[in-house]
Amino acid sequence: MSRTTYTCHCGAVIQYNHDLEKEPGTVSRNWNCADCGTRVPNTIAERIQHQHPS
């Protein structure tokens, strides 16, 4: 399986769990870029959540 990456509007490459922040106070999972706070699409974020640097 290939790795999923996402390039945020701020230019950050999101590819691991530590690159994401869960949006507080929401019932459903909403993920944001850890650098700028821009929302990351849920389907992409869920894939990235399972990736670990190795």
Protein backbone atom coordinates (compact mmCIF):
# COMPACT_ATOMS: atom_id res chain seq x y z
CA MET A 1 0.00 0.00 0.00
CA SER A 2 1.36 3.41 -0.89
CA ARG A 3 1.64 6.23 1.62
CA THR A 4 -0.96 8.97 1.58
CA THR A 5 0.26 12.56 1.67
CA TYR A 6 -1.58 15.85 1.56
CA THR A 7 -0.11 19.27 0.80
CA CYS A 8 -1.82 22.00 2.80
CA HIS A 9 -2.48 25.52 1.50
CA CYS A 10 0.37 26.76 3.72
CA GLY A 11 2.79 24.42 1.94
CA ALA A 12 3.16 21.86 4.74
CA VAL A 13 3.28 18.23 3.62
CA ILE A 14 1.03 16.18 5.89
CA GLN A 15 1.99 12.52 5.93
CA TYR A 16 1.98 11.35 9.57
CA ASN A 17 -0.28 11.49 12.62
CA HIS A 18 1.82 14.20 14.29
CA ASP A 19 1.18 16.51 11.31
CA LEU A 20 -2.53 16.62 12.21
CA GLU A 21 -4.51 18.14 15.08
CA LYS A 22 -8.02 17.05 16.04
CA GLU A 23 -10.46 19.94 16.10
CA PRO A 24 -11.69 20.28 19.71
CA GLY A 25 -15.36 20.39 20.64
CA THR A 26 -16.72 18.50 17.66
CA VAL A 27 -18.77 15.31 17.71
CA SER A 28 -17.38 14.00 14.44
CA ARG A 29 -13.66 13.87 13.79
CA ASN A 30 -12.40 16.99 12.08
CA TRP A 31 -8.67 17.22 11.44
CA ASN A 32 -6.58 20.33 10.89
CA CYS A 33 -3.06 21.03 9.70
CA ALA A 34 -0.78 21.25 12.75
CA ASP A 35 1.10 24.19 11.20
CA CYS A 36 -1.68 26.57 10.16
CA GLY A 37 -4.98 25.07 11.37
CA THR A 38 -6.56 24.63 7.92
CA ARG A 39 -9.01 21.72 7.78
CA VAL A 40 -7.77 18.55 6.10
CA PRO A 41 -10.37 16.45 4.23
CA ASN A 42 -11.63 13.64 6.50
CA THR A 43 -10.95 10.83 4.02
CA ILE A 44 -7.31 11.90 3.67
CA ALA A 45 -6.88 12.50 7.42
CA GLU A 46 -8.25 9.06 8.32
CA ARG A 47 -5.71 7.39 6.02
CA ILE A 48 -2.86 9.48 7.43
CA GLN A 49 -3.89 8.61 11.01
CA HIS A 50 -2.78 5.02 10.39
CA GLN A 51 0.66 5.95 9.03
CA HIS A 52 3.67 6.00 11.31
CA PRO A 53 7.22 7.07 10.48
CA SER A 54 9.48 4.05 10.41
